[in-house]
C-alpha atoms as a PDB file:
ATOM      1  CA  MET A   1      79.159-195.564 270.453  1.00  0.00           C
ATOM      2  CA  SER A   2      80.505-192.148 269.236  1.00  0.00           C
ATOM      3  CA  ALA A   3      80.249-190.542 265.577  1.00  0.00           C
ATOM      4  CA  PRO A   4      83.161-192.502 263.290  1.00  0.00           C
ATOM      5  CA  ASP A   5      83.586-189.160 260.903  1.00  0.00           C
ATOM      6  CA  VAL A   6      84.331-186.904 263.413  1.00  0.00           C
ATOM      7  CA  ASN A   7      85.874-184.101 262.136  1.00  0.00           C
ATOM      8  CA  LEU A   8      86.024-180.958 264.960  1.00  0.00           C
ATOM      9  CA  ASP A   9      87.478-178.307 262.543  1.00  0.00           C
ATOM     10  CA  ARG A  10      83.632-178.450 261.189  1.00  0.00           C
ATOM     11  CA  GLN A  11      82.249-178.521 263.999  1.00  0.00           C
ATOM     12  CA  LYS A  12      84.051-175.399 265.521  1.00  0.00           C
ATOM     13  CA  ARG A  13      83.345-173.408 261.975  1.00  0.00           C
ATOM     14  CA  ARG A  14      79.823-174.805 262.260  1.00  0.00           C
ATOM     15  CA  HIS A  15      79.312-173.622 265.883  1.00  0.00           C
ATOM     16  CA  ARG A  16      80.729-170.228 265.776  1.00  0.00           C
ATOM     17  CA  PRO A  17      77.947-168.279 265.032  1.00  0.00           C
ATOM     18  CA  MET A  18      75.628-169.189 267.624  1.00  0.00           C
ATOM     19  CA  LEU A  19      78.375-169.289 270.679  1.00  0.00           C
ATOM     20  CA  ARG A  20      79.309-165.295 268.946  1.00  0.00           C
ATOM     21  CA  GLY A  21      75.103-164.912 269.158  1.00  0.00           C
ATOM     22  CA  LEU A  22      74.819-166.762 272.539  1.00  0.00           C
ATOM     23  CA  TRP A  23      78.316-164.027 273.715  1.00  0.00           C
ATOM     24  CA  ILE A  24      77.018-161.339 271.881  1.00  0.00           C
ATOM     25  CA  GLY A  25      73.296-160.863 274.216  1.00  0.00           C
ATOM     26  CA  LEU A  26      75.064-162.237 277.085  1.00  0.00           C
ATOM     27  CA  ALA A  27      76.830-158.798 277.105  1.00  0.00           C
ATOM     28  CA  VAL A  28      73.746-157.010 275.987  1.00  0.00           C
ATOM     29  CA  ALA A  29      72.490-158.192 279.510  1.00  0.00           C
ATOM     30  CA  VAL A  30      75.328-157.648 281.399  1.00  0.00           C
ATOM     31  CA  GLY A  31      75.632-153.964 280.371  1.00  0.00           C
ATOM     32  CA  VAL A  32      71.590-153.196 280.599  1.00  0.00           C
ATOM     33  CA  ALA A  33      72.381-155.115 284.569  1.00  0.00           C
ATOM     34  CA  LEU A  34      75.100-152.498 285.207  1.00  0.00           C
ATOM     35  CA  LEU A  35      73.060-149.174 283.626  1.00  0.00           C
ATOM     36  CA  TRP A  36      69.972-150.849 286.344  1.00  0.00           C
ATOM     37  CA  ALA A  37      72.615-151.102 288.920  1.00  0.00           C
ATOM     38  CA  VAL A  38      74.012-147.579 288.290  1.00  0.00           C
ATOM     39  CA  ALA A  39      70.518-145.849 287.779  1.00  0.00           C
ATOM     40  CA  ALA A  40      69.284-147.413 290.499  1.00  0.00           C
ATOM     41  CA  ALA A  41      72.471-146.323 293.008  1.00  0.00           C
ATOM     42  CA  LEU A  42      71.633-142.683 291.417  1.00  0.00           C
ATOM     43  CA  GLY A  43      68.640-142.613 292.276  1.00  0.00           C
ATOM     44  CA  VAL A  44      67.186-142.199 289.184  1.00  0.00           C
ATOM     45  CA  GLN A  45      63.062-142.744 289.020  1.00  0.00           C
ATOM     46  CA  VAL A  46      62.012-143.999 285.443  1.00  0.00           C
ATOM     47  CA  THR A  47      59.181-141.184 285.488  1.00  0.00           C
ATOM     48  CA  ASP A  48      62.202-138.586 285.964  1.00  0.00           C
ATOM     49  CA  ALA A  49      62.620-139.439 281.976  1.00  0.00           C
ATOM     50  CA  VAL A  50      59.443-139.460 280.850  1.00  0.00           C
ATOM     51  CA  THR A  51      57.448-135.635 280.581  1.00  0.00           C
ATOM     52  CA  PRO A  52      53.944-136.004 281.191  1.00  0.00           C
ATOM     53  CA  ALA A  53      52.102-135.366 277.683  1.00  0.00           C
ATOM     54  CA  SER A  54      49.229-132.104 278.740  1.00  0.00           C
ATOM     55  CA  PRO A  55      45.484-132.556 278.318  1.00  0.00           C
ATOM     56  CA  GLY A  56      45.609-130.116 275.245  1.00  0.00           C
ATOM     57  CA  SER A  57      48.771-131.966 273.362  1.00  0.00           C
ATOM     58  CA  VAL A  58      46.501-135.924 272.568  1.00  0.00           C
END
């Protein structure tokens, strides 16, 4: 049994921010995956980007 007063335009408007958030999250995840894949293909290691601290600097 469906609800008696279904307003599809109002429901679309209310769900729009949540759907935008999902799309933004998906885009960020795809971007990170692409960056990771490119870095792996180029042979970049995480330790290449981090400089070790010298013993006297701590």
